[in-house]
Amino acid sequence: MRFLANILWIILGGGIILFIEYLVGAMLLCLTIIGIPFGLQKIKLAMFALAPFGRQVQCNQAASGCLAIVFNVLWILMGGIWIAVTHLVLALIYAILIIGIPFARQHIKMASLAIAPFGREVVRK
């Protein structure tokens, strides 16, 4: 069922478009030494955007700390808030239709990761 949901997500939910956008953004961020940590987080978002069904976001206790907080603040100030808002708007659009409710739930999961990706990881259920 997860496989079928992920295939529908790629085709109807915009998964492939999100994946490509995140991947291009990650490549551009990784061009600079300062942008590499942020580019790696974009790659994490890209992989999650490609197949979100059957995965969940959880806190990584080993990676959370002062540095993760500082990087999350920088992430939010440099555009993370707009990524999260975009996912929330897409969730609202998909939630209008009954068929789109599962896609809306996935966009809400992605918005929670997009607002603060440092110190969090995506794991299989």
PDB file of N, CA and C in Angstrom:
ATOM      1  N   MET A   1       0.824  -1.194   0.000  1.00  0.00           N
ATOM      2  CA  MET A   1       0.000   0.000   0.000  1.00  0.00           C
ATOM      3  C   MET A   1       0.866   1.255   0.000  1.00  0.00           C
ATOM      4  N   ARG A   2       1.980   1.230   0.774  1.00  0.00           N
ATOM      5  CA  ARG A   2       2.861   2.398   0.800  1.00  0.00           C
ATOM      6  C   ARG A   2       3.462   2.665  -0.566  1.00  0.00           C
ATOM      7  N   PHE A   3       3.825   1.575  -1.259  1.00  0.00           N
ATOM      8  CA  PHE A   3       4.407   1.720  -2.590  1.00  0.00           C
ATOM      9  C   PHE A   3       3.426   2.403  -3.536  1.00  0.00           C
ATOM     10  N   LEU A   4       2.182   1.957  -3.530  1.00  0.00           N
ATOM     11  CA  LEU A   4       1.154   2.553  -4.381  1.00  0.00           C
ATOM     12  C   LEU A   4       0.909   4.016  -4.003  1.00  0.00           C
ATOM     13  N   ALA A   5       0.859   4.293  -2.704  1.00  0.00           N
ATOM     14  CA  ALA A   5       0.660   5.676  -2.248  1.00  0.00           C
ATOM     15  C   ALA A   5       1.826   6.564  -2.673  1.00  0.00           C
ATOM     16  N   ASN A   6       3.050   6.045  -2.605  1.00  0.00           N
ATOM     17  CA  ASN A   6       4.208   6.836  -3.029  1.00  0.00           C
ATOM     18  C   ASN A   6       4.208   7.066  -4.535  1.00  0.00           C
ATOM     19  N   ILE A   7       3.757   6.083  -5.318  1.00  0.00           N
ATOM     20  CA  ILE A   7       3.655   6.270  -6.769  1.00  0.00           C
ATOM     21  C   ILE A   7       2.616   7.346  -7.085  1.00  0.00           C
ATOM     22  N   LEU A   8       1.459   7.286  -6.417  1.00  0.00           N
ATOM     23  CA  LEU A   8       0.439   8.324  -6.613  1.00  0.00           C
ATOM     24  C   LEU A   8       0.947   9.688  -6.159  1.00  0.00           C
ATOM     25  N   TRP A   9       1.733   9.699  -5.094  1.00  0.00           N
ATOM     26  CA  TRP A   9       2.319  10.947  -4.594  1.00  0.00           C
ATOM     27  C   TRP A   9       3.233  11.561  -5.654  1.00  0.00           C
ATOM     28  N   ILE A  10       4.063  10.740  -6.274  1.00  0.00           N
ATOM     29  CA  ILE A  10       4.996  11.239  -7.289  1.00  0.00           C
ATOM     30  C   ILE A  10       4.231  11.811  -8.478  1.00  0.00           C
ATOM     31  N   ILE A  11       3.158  11.142  -8.871  1.00  0.00           N
ATOM     32  CA  ILE A  11       2.417  11.576 -10.053  1.00  0.00           C
ATOM     33  C   ILE A  11       1.445  12.719  -9.734  1.00  0.00           C
ATOM     34  N   LEU A  12       0.603  12.547  -8.711  1.00  0.00           N
ATOM     35  CA  LEU A  12      -0.473  13.500  -8.428  1.00  0.00           C
ATOM     36  C   LEU A  12      -0.140  14.507  -7.331  1.00  0.00           C
ATOM     37  N   GLY A  13       0.726  14.134  -6.408  1.00  0.00           N
ATOM     38  CA  GLY A  13       0.994  14.987  -5.262  1.00  0.00           C
ATOM     39  C   GLY A  13       2.121  15.967  -5.449  1.00  0.00           C
ATOM     40  N   GLY A  14       2.754  15.922  -6.603  1.00  0.00           N
ATOM     41  CA  GLY A  14       3.843  16.854  -6.860  1.00  0.00           C
ATOM     42  C   GLY A  14       5.168  16.388  -6.297  1.00  0.00           C
ATOM     43  N   GLY A  15       5.298  15.129  -5.988  1.00  0.00           N
ATOM     44  CA  GLY A  15       6.519  14.608  -5.378  1.00  0.00           C
ATOM     45  C   GLY A  15       7.750  14.764  -6.238  1.00  0.00           C
ATOM     46  N   ILE A  16       7.619  14.529  -7.531  1.00  0.00           N
ATOM     47  CA  ILE A  16       8.781  14.630  -8.420  1.00  0.00           C
ATOM     48  C   ILE A  16       9.212  16.084  -8.575  1.00  0.00           C
ATOM     49  N   ILE A  17       8.254  16.997  -8.601  1.00  0.00           N
ATOM     50  CA  ILE A  17       8.583  18.429  -8.722  1.00  0.00           C
ATOM     51  C   ILE A  17       9.286  18.914  -7.459  1.00  0.00           C
ATOM     52  N   LEU A  18       8.767  18.517  -6.284  1.00  0.00           N
ATOM     53  CA  LEU A  18       9.411  18.887  -5.033  1.00  0.00           C
ATOM     54  C   LEU A  18      10.813  18.303  -4.945  1.00  0.00           C
ATOM     55  N   PHE A  19      10.956  17.043  -5.360  1.00  0.00           N
ATOM     56  CA  PHE A  19      12.251  16.383  -5.327  1.00  0.00           C
ATOM     57  C   PHE A  19      13.267  17.147  -6.172  1.00  0.00           C
ATOM     58  N   ILE A  20      12.888  17.506  -7.383  1.00  0.00           N
ATOM     59  CA  ILE A  20      13.806  18.215  -8.277  1.00  0.00           C
ATOM     60  C   ILE A  20      14.149  19.593  -7.719  1.00  0.00           C
ATOM     61  N   GLU A  21      13.148  20.304  -7.202  1.00  0.00           N
ATOM     62  CA  GLU A  21      13.410  21.640  -6.635  1.00  0.00           C
ATOM     63  C   GLU A  21      14.360  21.566  -5.450  1.00  0.00           C
ATOM     64  N   TYR A  22      14.117  20.621  -4.552  1.00  0.00           N
ATOM     65  CA  TYR A  22      15.001  20.475  -3.398  1.00  0.00           C
ATOM     66  C   TYR A  22      16.401  20.060  -3.823  1.00  0.00           C
ATOM     67  N   LEU A  23      16.508  19.182  -4.799  1.00  0.00           N
ATOM     68  CA  LEU A  23      17.813  18.711  -5.247  1.00  0.00           C
ATOM     69  C   LEU A  23      18.612  19.831  -5.916  1.00  0.00           C
ATOM     70  N   VAL A  24      17.962  20.633  -6.747  1.00  0.00           N
ATOM     71  CA  VAL A  24      18.647  21.762  -7.386  1.00  0.00           C
ATOM     72  C   VAL A  24      19.098  22.768  -6.325  1.00  0.00           C
ATOM     73  N   GLY A  25      18.221  23.057  -5.358  1.00  0.00           N
ATOM     74  CA  GLY A  25      18.590  23.951  -4.267  1.00  0.00           C
ATOM     75  C   GLY A  25      19.751  23.409  -3.460  1.00  0.00           C
ATOM     76  N   ALA A  26      19.775  22.100  -3.234  1.00  0.00           N
ATOM     77  CA  ALA A  26      20.865  21.481  -2.483  1.00  0.00           C
ATOM     78  C   ALA A  26      22.183  21.596  -3.239  1.00  0.00           C
ATOM     79  N   MET A  27      22.126  21.371  -4.540  1.00  0.00           N
ATOM     80  CA  MET A  27      23.349  21.481  -5.339  1.00  0.00           C
ATOM     81  C   MET A  27      23.896  22.904  -5.317  1.00  0.00           C
ATOM     82  N   LEU A  28      23.004  23.878  -5.410  1.00  0.00           N
ATOM     83  CA  LEU A  28      23.450  25.272  -5.368  1.00  0.00           C
ATOM     84  C   LEU A  28      24.032  25.624  -4.004  1.00  0.00           C
ATOM     85  N   LEU A  29      23.425  25.127  -2.941  1.00  0.00           N
ATOM     86  CA  LEU A  29      23.951  25.399  -1.606  1.00  0.00           C
ATOM     87  C   LEU A  29      25.296  24.721  -1.376  1.00  0.00           C
ATOM     88  N   CYS A  30      25.474  23.550  -1.938  1.00  0.00           N
ATOM     89  CA  CYS A  30      26.723  22.812  -1.741  1.00  0.00           C
ATOM     90  C   CYS A  30      27.884  23.374  -2.551  1.00  0.00           C
ATOM     91  N   LEU A  31      27.643  24.351  -3.392  1.00  0.00           N
ATOM     92  CA  LEU A  31      28.730  24.976  -4.134  1.00  0.00           C
ATOM     93  C   LEU A  31      29.649  25.779  -3.225  1.00  0.00           C
ATOM     94  N   THR A  32      29.128  26.260  -2.109  1.00  0.00           N
ATOM     95  CA  THR A  32      29.948  27.019  -1.174  1.00  0.00           C
ATOM     96  C   THR A  32      30.218  26.166   0.062  1.00  0.00           C
ATOM     97  N   ILE A  33      31.321  26.425   0.705  1.00  0.00           N
ATOM     98  CA  ILE A  33      31.675  25.665   1.913  1.00  0.00           C
ATOM     99  C   ILE A  33      30.686  25.968   3.038  1.00  0.00           C
ATOM    100  N   ILE A  34      30.269  27.209   3.143  1.00  0.00           N
ATOM    101  CA  ILE A  34      29.331  27.589   4.200  1.00  0.00           C
ATOM    102  C   ILE A  34      27.966  26.952   3.984  1.00  0.00           C
ATOM    103  N   GLY A  35      27.580  26.727   2.736  1.00  0.00           N
ATOM    104  CA  GLY A  35      26.260  26.197   2.433  1.00  0.00           C
ATOM    105  C   GLY A  35      26.144  24.682   2.493  1.00  0.00           C
ATOM    106  N   ILE A  36      27.248  23.965   2.687  1.00  0.00           N
ATOM    107  CA  ILE A  36      27.205  22.503   2.661  1.00  0.00           C
ATOM    108  C   ILE A  36      26.266  21.916   3.718  1.00  0.00           C
ATOM    109  N   PRO A  37      26.308  22.353   4.998  1.00  0.00           N
ATOM    110  CA  PRO A  37      25.358  21.767   5.954  1.00  0.00           C
ATOM    111  C   PRO A  37      23.899  22.001   5.574  1.00  0.00           C
ATOM    112  N   PHE A  38      23.618  23.163   4.992  1.00  0.00           N
ATOM    113  CA  PHE A  38      22.259  23.476   4.578  1.00  0.00           C
ATOM    114  C   PHE A  38      21.881  22.680   3.326  1.00  0.00           C
ATOM    115  N   GLY A  39      22.839  22.458   2.444  1.00  0.00           N
ATOM    116  CA  GLY A  39      22.596  21.638   1.270  1.00  0.00           C
ATOM    117  C   GLY A  39      22.297  20.193   1.633  1.00  0.00           C
ATOM    118  N   LEU A  40      22.992  19.682   2.640  1.00  0.00           N
ATOM    119  CA  LEU A  40      22.720  18.313   3.094  1.00  0.00           C
ATOM    120  C   LEU A  40      21.321  18.186   3.680  1.00  0.00           C
ATOM    121  N   GLN A  41      20.847  19.214   4.354  1.00  0.00           N
ATOM    122  CA  GLN A  41      19.479  19.188   4.875  1.00  0.00           C
ATOM    123  C   GLN A  41      18.464  19.250   3.737  1.00  0.00           C
ATOM    124  N   LYS A  42      18.795  19.990   2.687  1.00  0.00           N
ATOM    125  CA  LYS A  42      17.916  20.027   1.516  1.00  0.00           C
ATOM    126  C   LYS A  42      17.857  18.662   0.841  1.00  0.00           C
ATOM    127  N   ILE A  43      18.981  17.935   0.834  1.00  0.00           N
ATOM    128  CA  ILE A  43      18.982  16.582   0.273  1.00  0.00           C
ATOM    129  C   ILE A  43      18.079  15.678   1.111  1.00  0.00           C
ATOM    130  N   LYS A  44      18.117  15.851   2.441  1.00  0.00           N
ATOM    131  CA  LYS A  44      17.221  15.081   3.312  1.00  0.00           C
ATOM    132  C   LYS A  44      15.765  15.391   2.977  1.00  0.00           C
ATOM    133  N   LEU A  45      15.452  16.656   2.762  1.00  0.00           N
ATOM    134  CA  LEU A  45      14.092  17.042   2.375  1.00  0.00           C
ATOM    135  C   LEU A  45      13.721  16.477   1.001  1.00  0.00           C
ATOM    136  N   ALA A  46      14.680  16.440   0.082  1.00  0.00           N
ATOM    137  CA  ALA A  46      14.414  15.910  -1.255  1.00  0.00           C
ATOM    138  C   ALA A  46      14.073  14.432  -1.195  1.00  0.00           C
ATOM    139  N   MET A  47      14.823  13.670  -0.435  1.00  0.00           N
ATOM    140  CA  MET A  47      14.548  12.233  -0.323  1.00  0.00           C
ATOM    141  C   MET A  47      13.199  11.980   0.353  1.00  0.00           C
ATOM    142  N   PHE A  48      12.877  12.804   1.328  1.00  0.00           N
ATOM    143  CA  PHE A  48      11.588  12.683   2.011  1.00  0.00           C
ATOM    144  C   PHE A  48      10.451  13.084   1.086  1.00  0.00           C
ATOM    145  N   ALA A  49      10.684  14.087   0.233  1.00  0.00           N
ATOM    146  CA  ALA A  49       9.642  14.544  -0.690  1.00  0.00           C
ATOM    147  C   ALA A  49       9.387  13.538  -1.805  1.00  0.00           C
ATOM    148  N   LEU A  50      10.359  12.698  -2.096  1.00  0.00           N
ATOM    149  CA  LEU A  50      10.177  11.715  -3.154  1.00  0.00           C
ATOM    150  C   LEU A  50       9.256  10.583  -2.726  1.00  0.00           C
ATOM    151  N   ALA A  51       9.364  10.143  -1.474  1.00  0.00           N
ATOM    152  CA  ALA A  51       8.536   9.025  -0.992  1.00  0.00           C
ATOM    153  C   ALA A  51       8.223   9.208   0.491  1.00  0.00           C
ATOM    154  N   PRO A  52       7.218  10.031   0.823  1.00  0.00           N
ATOM    155  CA  PRO A  52       6.939  10.310   2.236  1.00  0.00           C
ATOM    156  C   PRO A  52       6.070   9.271   2.941  1.00  0.00           C
ATOM    157  N   PHE A  53       5.327   8.470   2.186  1.00  0.00           N
ATOM    158  CA  PHE A  53       4.443   7.501   2.832  1.00  0.00           C
ATOM    159  C   PHE A  53       5.272   6.377   3.443  1.00  0.00           C
ATOM    160  N   GLY A  54       4.954   6.026   4.670  1.00  0.00           N
ATOM    161  CA  GLY A  54       5.684   4.984   5.374  1.00  0.00           C
ATOM    162  C   GLY A  54       6.902   5.502   6.112  1.00  0.00           C
ATOM    163  N   ARG A  55       7.052   6.807   6.182  1.00  0.00           N
ATOM    164  CA  ARG A  55       8.174   7.420   6.895  1.00  0.00           C
ATOM    165  C   ARG A  55       7.635   8.429   7.887  1.00  0.00           C
ATOM    166  N   GLN A  56       8.417   8.676   8.921  1.00  0.00           N
ATOM    167  CA  GLN A  56       8.047   9.695   9.900  1.00  0.00           C
ATOM    168  C   GLN A  56       9.277  10.480  10.311  1.00  0.00           C
ATOM    169  N   VAL A  57       9.048  11.656  10.851  1.00  0.00           N
ATOM    170  CA  VAL A  57      10.117  12.539  11.299  1.00  0.00           C
ATOM    171  C   VAL A  57      10.228  12.415  12.808  1.00  0.00           C
ATOM    172  N   GLN A  58      11.461  12.236  13.293  1.00  0.00           N
ATOM    173  CA  GLN A  58      11.660  12.168  14.741  1.00  0.00           C
ATOM    174  C   GLN A  58      12.934  12.905  15.109  1.00  0.00           C
ATOM    175  N   CYS A  59      13.019  13.298  16.368  1.00  0.00           N
ATOM    176  CA  CYS A  59      14.197  14.002  16.855  1.00  0.00           C
ATOM    177  C   CYS A  59      15.355  13.028  17.009  1.00  0.00           C
ATOM    178  N   ASN A  60      16.535  13.473  16.629  1.00  0.00           N
ATOM    179  CA  ASN A  60      17.752  12.698  16.788  1.00  0.00           C
ATOM    180  C   ASN A  60      18.489  13.269  17.999  1.00  0.00           C
ATOM    181  N   GLN A  61      18.468  12.543  19.101  1.00  0.00           N
ATOM    182  CA  GLN A  61      19.055  13.048  20.343  1.00  0.00           C
ATOM    183  C   GLN A  61      20.553  13.281  20.214  1.00  0.00           C
ATOM    184  N   ALA A  62      21.240  12.478  19.413  1.00  0.00           N
ATOM    185  CA  ALA A  62      22.686  12.626  19.263  1.00  0.00           C
ATOM    186  C   ALA A  62      23.039  13.889  18.474  1.00  0.00           C
ATOM    187  N   ALA A  63      22.166  14.325  17.577  1.00  0.00           N
ATOM    188  CA  ALA A  63      22.465  15.477  16.724  1.00  0.00           C
ATOM    189  C   ALA A  63      21.809  16.762  17.204  1.00  0.00           C
ATOM    190  N   SER A  64      21.028  16.700  18.272  1.00  0.00           N
ATOM    191  CA  SER A  64      20.392  17.925  18.755  1.00  0.00           C
ATOM    192  C   SER A  64      21.286  18.566  19.806  1.00  0.00           C
ATOM    193  N   GLY A  65      21.290  19.854  19.813  1.00  0.00           N
ATOM    194  CA  GLY A  65      22.119  20.587  20.758  1.00  0.00           C
ATOM    195  C   GLY A  65      22.202  22.037  20.357  1.00  0.00           C
ATOM    196  N   CYS A  66      23.205  22.708  20.877  1.00  0.00           N
ATOM    197  CA  CYS A  66      23.362  24.142  20.646  1.00  0.00           C
ATOM    198  C   CYS A  66      23.593  24.450  19.167  1.00  0.00           C
ATOM    199  N   LEU A  67      24.448  23.660  18.520  1.00  0.00           N
ATOM    200  CA  LEU A  67      24.736  23.909  17.110  1.00  0.00           C
ATOM    201  C   LEU A  67      23.502  23.692  16.243  1.00  0.00           C
ATOM    202  N   ALA A  68      22.709  22.684  16.559  1.00  0.00           N
ATOM    203  CA  ALA A  68      21.482  22.429  15.804  1.00  0.00           C
ATOM    204  C   ALA A  68      20.506  23.590  15.958  1.00  0.00           C
ATOM    205  N   ILE A  69      20.427  24.147  17.149  1.00  0.00           N
ATOM    206  CA  ILE A  69      19.533  25.296  17.372  1.00  0.00           C
ATOM    207  C   ILE A  69      19.995  26.499  16.561  1.00  0.00           C
ATOM    208  N   VAL A  70      21.294  26.773  16.579  1.00  0.00           N
ATOM    209  CA  VAL A  70      21.830  27.907  15.820  1.00  0.00           C
ATOM    210  C   VAL A  70      21.582  27.706  14.322  1.00  0.00           C
ATOM    211  N   PHE A  71      21.843  26.492  13.825  1.00  0.00           N
ATOM    212  CA  PHE A  71      21.619  26.225  12.404  1.00  0.00           C
ATOM    213  C   PHE A  71      20.141  26.296  12.049  1.00  0.00           C
ATOM    214  N   ASN A  72      19.257  25.861  12.936  1.00  0.00           N
ATOM    215  CA  ASN A  72      17.822  25.953  12.665  1.00  0.00           C
ATOM    216  C   ASN A  72      17.373  27.407  12.594  1.00  0.00           C
ATOM    217  N   VAL A  73      17.913  28.254  13.456  1.00  0.00           N
ATOM    218  CA  VAL A  73      17.571  29.682  13.406  1.00  0.00           C
ATOM    219  C   VAL A  73      18.043  30.280  12.082  1.00  0.00           C
ATOM    220  N   LEU A  74      19.275  29.946  11.685  1.00  0.00           N
ATOM    221  CA  LEU A  74      19.779  30.433  10.396  1.00  0.00           C
ATOM    222  C   LEU A  74      18.943  29.895   9.240  1.00  0.00           C
ATOM    223  N   TRP A  75      18.552  28.629   9.336  1.00  0.00           N
ATOM    224  CA  TRP A  75      17.717  28.007   8.302  1.00  0.00           C
ATOM    225  C   TRP A  75      16.398  28.752   8.154  1.00  0.00           C
ATOM    226  N   ILE A  76      15.760  29.054   9.286  1.00  0.00           N
ATOM    227  CA  ILE A  76      14.472  29.765   9.256  1.00  0.00           C
ATOM    228  C   ILE A  76      14.644  31.154   8.655  1.00  0.00           C
ATOM    229  N   LEU A  77      15.701  31.860   9.057  1.00  0.00           N
ATOM    230  CA  LEU A  77      15.913  33.215   8.556  1.00  0.00           C
ATOM    231  C   LEU A  77      16.271  33.245   7.072  1.00  0.00           C
ATOM    232  N   MET A  78      16.923  32.206   6.584  1.00  0.00           N
ATOM    233  CA  MET A  78      17.371  32.187   5.191  1.00  0.00           C
ATOM    234  C   MET A  78      16.378  31.554   4.218  1.00  0.00           C
ATOM    235  N   GLY A  79      15.198  31.197   4.669  1.00  0.00           N
ATOM    236  CA  GLY A  79      14.202  30.708   3.722  1.00  0.00           C
ATOM    237  C   GLY A  79      13.434  29.487   4.169  1.00  0.00           C
ATOM    238  N   GLY A  80      13.765  28.931   5.303  1.00  0.00           N
ATOM    239  CA  GLY A  80      13.046  27.750   5.781  1.00  0.00           C
ATOM    240  C   GLY A  80      11.586  28.021   6.063  1.00  0.00           C
ATOM    241  N   ILE A  81      11.293  29.234   6.488  1.00  0.00           N
ATOM    242  CA  ILE A  81       9.910  29.589   6.788  1.00  0.00           C
ATOM    243  C   ILE A  81       9.071  29.558   5.509  1.00  0.00           C
ATOM    244  N   TRP A  82       9.671  29.968   4.382  1.00  0.00           N
ATOM    245  CA  TRP A  82       8.926  29.990   3.124  1.00  0.00           C
ATOM    246  C   TRP A  82       8.693  28.573   2.598  1.00  0.00           C
ATOM    247  N   ILE A  83       9.630  27.683   2.847  1.00  0.00           N
ATOM    248  CA  ILE A  83       9.429  26.286   2.455  1.00  0.00           C
ATOM    249  C   ILE A  83       8.268  25.697   3.245  1.00  0.00           C
ATOM    250  N   ALA A  84       8.252  25.953   4.550  1.00  0.00           N
ATOM    251  CA  ALA A  84       7.183  25.425   5.406  1.00  0.00           C
ATOM    252  C   ALA A  84       5.827  26.024   5.021  1.00  0.00           C
ATOM    253  N   VAL A  85       5.795  27.321   4.744  1.00  0.00           N
ATOM    254  CA  VAL A  85       4.546  27.968   4.338  1.00  0.00           C
ATOM    255  C   VAL A  85       4.048  27.384   3.021  1.00  0.00           C
ATOM    256  N   THR A  86       4.958  27.118   2.107  1.00  0.00           N
ATOM    257  CA  THR A  86       4.573  26.509   0.833  1.00  0.00           C
ATOM    258  C   THR A  86       3.929  25.148   1.058  1.00  0.00           C
ATOM    259  N   HIS A  87       4.525  24.340   1.938  1.00  0.00           N
ATOM    260  CA  HIS A  87       3.937  23.026   2.228  1.00  0.00           C
ATOM    261  C   HIS A  87       2.575  23.161   2.905  1.00  0.00           C
ATOM    262  N   LEU A  88       2.421  24.138   3.778  1.00  0.00           N
ATOM    263  CA  LEU A  88       1.127  24.331   4.433  1.00  0.00           C
ATOM    264  C   LEU A  88       0.057  24.796   3.449  1.00  0.00           C
ATOM    265  N   VAL A  89       0.423  25.656   2.515  1.00  0.00           N
ATOM    266  CA  VAL A  89      -0.530  26.099   1.489  1.00  0.00           C
ATOM    267  C   VAL A  89      -0.932  24.923   0.600  1.00  0.00           C
ATOM    268  N   LEU A  90       0.053  24.102   0.216  1.00  0.00           N
ATOM    269  CA  LEU A  90      -0.272  22.912  -0.579  1.00  0.00           C
ATOM    270  C   LEU A  90      -1.142  21.950   0.210  1.00  0.00           C
ATOM    271  N   ALA A  91      -0.912  21.840   1.518  1.00  0.00           N
ATOM    272  CA  ALA A  91      -1.747  20.983   2.355  1.00  0.00           C
ATOM    273  C   ALA A  91      -3.188  21.488   2.372  1.00  0.00           C
ATOM    274  N   LEU A  92      -3.367  22.797   2.459  1.00  0.00           N
ATOM    275  CA  LEU A  92      -4.718  23.362   2.424  1.00  0.00           C
ATOM    276  C   LEU A  92      -5.403  23.094   1.087  1.00  0.00           C
ATOM    277  N   ILE A  93      -4.656  23.222   0.006  1.00  0.00           N
ATOM    278  CA  ILE A  93      -5.227  22.974  -1.322  1.00  0.00           C
ATOM    279  C   ILE A  93      -5.650  21.516  -1.461  1.00  0.00           C
ATOM    280  N   TYR A  94      -4.781  20.603  -1.024  1.00  0.00           N
ATOM    281  CA  TYR A  94      -5.116  19.179  -1.124  1.00  0.00           C
ATOM    282  C   TYR A  94      -6.218  18.780  -0.157  1.00  0.00           C
ATOM    283  N   ALA A  95      -6.318  19.445   0.981  1.00  0.00           N
ATOM    284  CA  ALA A  95      -7.334  19.082   1.972  1.00  0.00           C
ATOM    285  C   ALA A  95      -8.747  19.450   1.527  1.00  0.00           C
ATOM    286  N   ILE A  96      -8.872  20.309   0.541  1.00  0.00           N
ATOM    287  CA  ILE A  96     -10.197  20.676   0.036  1.00  0.00           C
ATOM    288  C   ILE A  96     -10.902  19.453  -0.551  1.00  0.00           C
ATOM    289  N   LEU A  97     -10.143  18.630  -1.244  1.00  0.00           N
ATOM    290  CA  LEU A  97     -10.700  17.417  -1.838  1.00  0.00           C
ATOM    291  C   LEU A  97     -10.517  16.240  -0.882  1.00  0.00           C
ATOM    292  N   ILE A  98     -11.495  15.393  -0.796  1.00  0.00           N
ATOM    293  CA  ILE A  98     -11.410  14.232   0.088  1.00  0.00           C
ATOM    294  C   ILE A  98     -10.291  13.302  -0.370  1.00  0.00           C
ATOM    295  N   ILE A  99     -10.123  13.158  -1.664  1.00  0.00           N
ATOM    296  CA  ILE A  99      -9.071  12.294  -2.190  1.00  0.00           C
ATOM    297  C   ILE A  99      -7.688  12.836  -1.842  1.00  0.00           C
ATOM    298  N   GLY A 100      -7.555  14.135  -1.686  1.00  0.00           N
ATOM    299  CA  GLY A 100      -6.263  14.752  -1.418  1.00  0.00           C
ATOM    300  C   GLY A 100      -5.857  14.796   0.039  1.00  0.00           C
ATOM    301  N   ILE A 101      -6.697  14.316   0.950  1.00  0.00           N
ATOM    302  CA  ILE A 101      -6.374  14.388   2.383  1.00  0.00           C
ATOM    303  C   ILE A 101      -5.092  13.640   2.734  1.00  0.00           C
ATOM    304  N   PRO A 102      -4.825  12.447   2.208  1.00  0.00           N
ATOM    305  CA  PRO A 102      -3.540  11.816   2.524  1.00  0.00           C
ATOM    306  C   PRO A 102      -2.338  12.640   2.038  1.00  0.00           C
ATOM    307  N   PHE A 103      -2.488  13.293   0.899  1.00  0.00           N
ATOM    308  CA  PHE A 103      -1.414  14.150   0.407  1.00  0.00           C
ATOM    309  C   PHE A 103      -1.244  15.368   1.312  1.00  0.00           C
ATOM    310  N   ALA A 104      -2.342  15.906   1.813  1.00  0.00           N
ATOM    311  CA  ALA A 104      -2.284  17.050   2.725  1.00  0.00           C
ATOM    312  C   ALA A 104      -1.540  16.669   4.004  1.00  0.00           C
ATOM    313  N   ARG A 105      -1.788  15.476   4.514  1.00  0.00           N
ATOM    314  CA  ARG A 105      -1.085  15.012   5.724  1.00  0.00           C
ATOM    315  C   ARG A 105       0.417  14.900   5.482  1.00  0.00           C
ATOM    316  N   GLN A 106       0.804  14.468   4.291  1.00  0.00           N
ATOM    317  CA  GLN A 106       2.229  14.352   3.982  1.00  0.00           C
ATOM    318  C   GLN A 106       2.876  15.733   3.870  1.00  0.00           C
ATOM    319  N   HIS A 107       2.146  16.696   3.325  1.00  0.00           N
ATOM    320  CA  HIS A 107       2.681  18.053   3.244  1.00  0.00           C
ATOM    321  C   HIS A 107       2.844  18.656   4.636  1.00  0.00           C
ATOM    322  N   ILE A 108       1.955  18.336   5.542  1.00  0.00           N
ATOM    323  CA  ILE A 108       2.099  18.833   6.918  1.00  0.00           C
ATOM    324  C   ILE A 108       3.329  18.209   7.570  1.00  0.00           C
ATOM    325  N   LYS A 109       3.575  16.908   7.322  1.00  0.00           N
ATOM    326  CA  LYS A 109       4.791  16.275   7.833  1.00  0.00           C
ATOM    327  C   LYS A 109       6.033  16.943   7.264  1.00  0.00           C
ATOM    328  N   MET A 110       5.990  17.255   5.974  1.00  0.00           N
ATOM    329  CA  MET A 110       7.142  17.904   5.354  1.00  0.00           C
ATOM    330  C   MET A 110       7.335  19.325   5.866  1.00  0.00           C
ATOM    331  N   ALA A 111       6.244  20.005   6.178  1.00  0.00           N
ATOM    332  CA  ALA A 111       6.361  21.357   6.724  1.00  0.00           C
ATOM    333  C   ALA A 111       7.029  21.332   8.090  1.00  0.00           C
ATOM    334  N   SER A 112       6.737  20.314   8.889  1.00  0.00           N
ATOM    335  CA  SER A 112       7.377  20.232  10.206  1.00  0.00           C
ATOM    336  C   SER A 112       8.871  19.993  10.067  1.00  0.00           C
ATOM    337  N   LEU A 113       9.287  19.242   9.059  1.00  0.00           N
ATOM    338  CA  LEU A 113      10.717  19.027   8.834  1.00  0.00           C
ATOM    339  C   LEU A 113      11.347  20.247   8.176  1.00  0.00           C
ATOM    340  N   ALA A 114      10.607  20.934   7.318  1.00  0.00           N
ATOM    341  CA  ALA A 114      11.151  22.078   6.591  1.00  0.00           C
ATOM    342  C   ALA A 114      11.383  23.287   7.495  1.00  0.00           C
ATOM    343  N   ILE A 115      10.657  23.374   8.589  1.00  0.00           N
ATOM    344  CA  ILE A 115      10.837  24.529   9.476  1.00  0.00           C
ATOM    345  C   ILE A 115      12.107  24.399  10.321  1.00  0.00           C
ATOM    346  N   ALA A 116      12.485  23.177  10.694  1.00  0.00           N
ATOM    347  CA  ALA A 116      13.677  22.974  11.525  1.00  0.00           C
ATOM    348  C   ALA A 116      14.268  21.591  11.242  1.00  0.00           C
ATOM    349  N   PRO A 117      15.090  21.453  10.199  1.00  0.00           N
ATOM    350  CA  PRO A 117      15.596  20.131   9.827  1.00  0.00           C
ATOM    351  C   PRO A 117      16.797  19.644  10.626  1.00  0.00           C
ATOM    352  N   PHE A 118      17.529  20.551  11.247  1.00  0.00           N
ATOM    353  CA  PHE A 118      18.719  20.146  11.986  1.00  0.00           C
ATOM    354  C   PHE A 118      18.316  19.472  13.291  1.00  0.00           C
ATOM    355  N   GLY A 119      18.935  18.353  13.604  1.00  0.00           N
ATOM    356  CA  GLY A 119      18.626  17.617  14.817  1.00  0.00           C
ATOM    357  C   GLY A 119      17.424  16.695  14.663  1.00  0.00           C
ATOM    358  N   ARG A 120      16.942  16.503  13.449  1.00  0.00           N
ATOM    359  CA  ARG A 120      15.802  15.620  13.178  1.00  0.00           C
ATOM    360  C   ARG A 120      16.186  14.681  12.049  1.00  0.00           C
ATOM    361  N   GLU A 121      15.529  13.537  12.014  1.00  0.00           N
ATOM    362  CA  GLU A 121      15.805  12.568  10.977  1.00  0.00           C
ATOM    363  C   GLU A 121      14.517  11.928  10.491  1.00  0.00           C
ATOM    364  N   VAL A 122      14.577  11.374   9.307  1.00  0.00           N
ATOM    365  CA  VAL A 122      13.434  10.699   8.708  1.00  0.00           C
ATOM    366  C   VAL A 122      13.692   9.202   8.839  1.00  0.00           C
ATOM    367  N   VAL A 123      12.730   8.488   9.455  1.00  0.00           N
ATOM    368  CA  VAL A 123      12.871   7.045   9.668  1.00  0.00           C
ATOM    369  C   VAL A 123      11.646   6.335   9.109  1.00  0.00           C
ATOM    370  N   ARG A 124      11.828   5.070   8.803  1.00  0.00           N
ATOM    371  CA  ARG A 124      10.695   4.251   8.344  1.00  0.00           C
ATOM    372  C   ARG A 124       9.849   3.864   9.523  1.00  0.00           C
ATOM    373  N   LYS A 125       8.542   3.780   9.310  1.00  0.00           N
ATOM    374  CA  LYS A 125       7.609   3.379  10.366  1.00  0.00           C
ATOM    375  C   LYS A 125       7.738   1.915  10.640  1.00  0.00           C
TER     376      LYS A 125
END
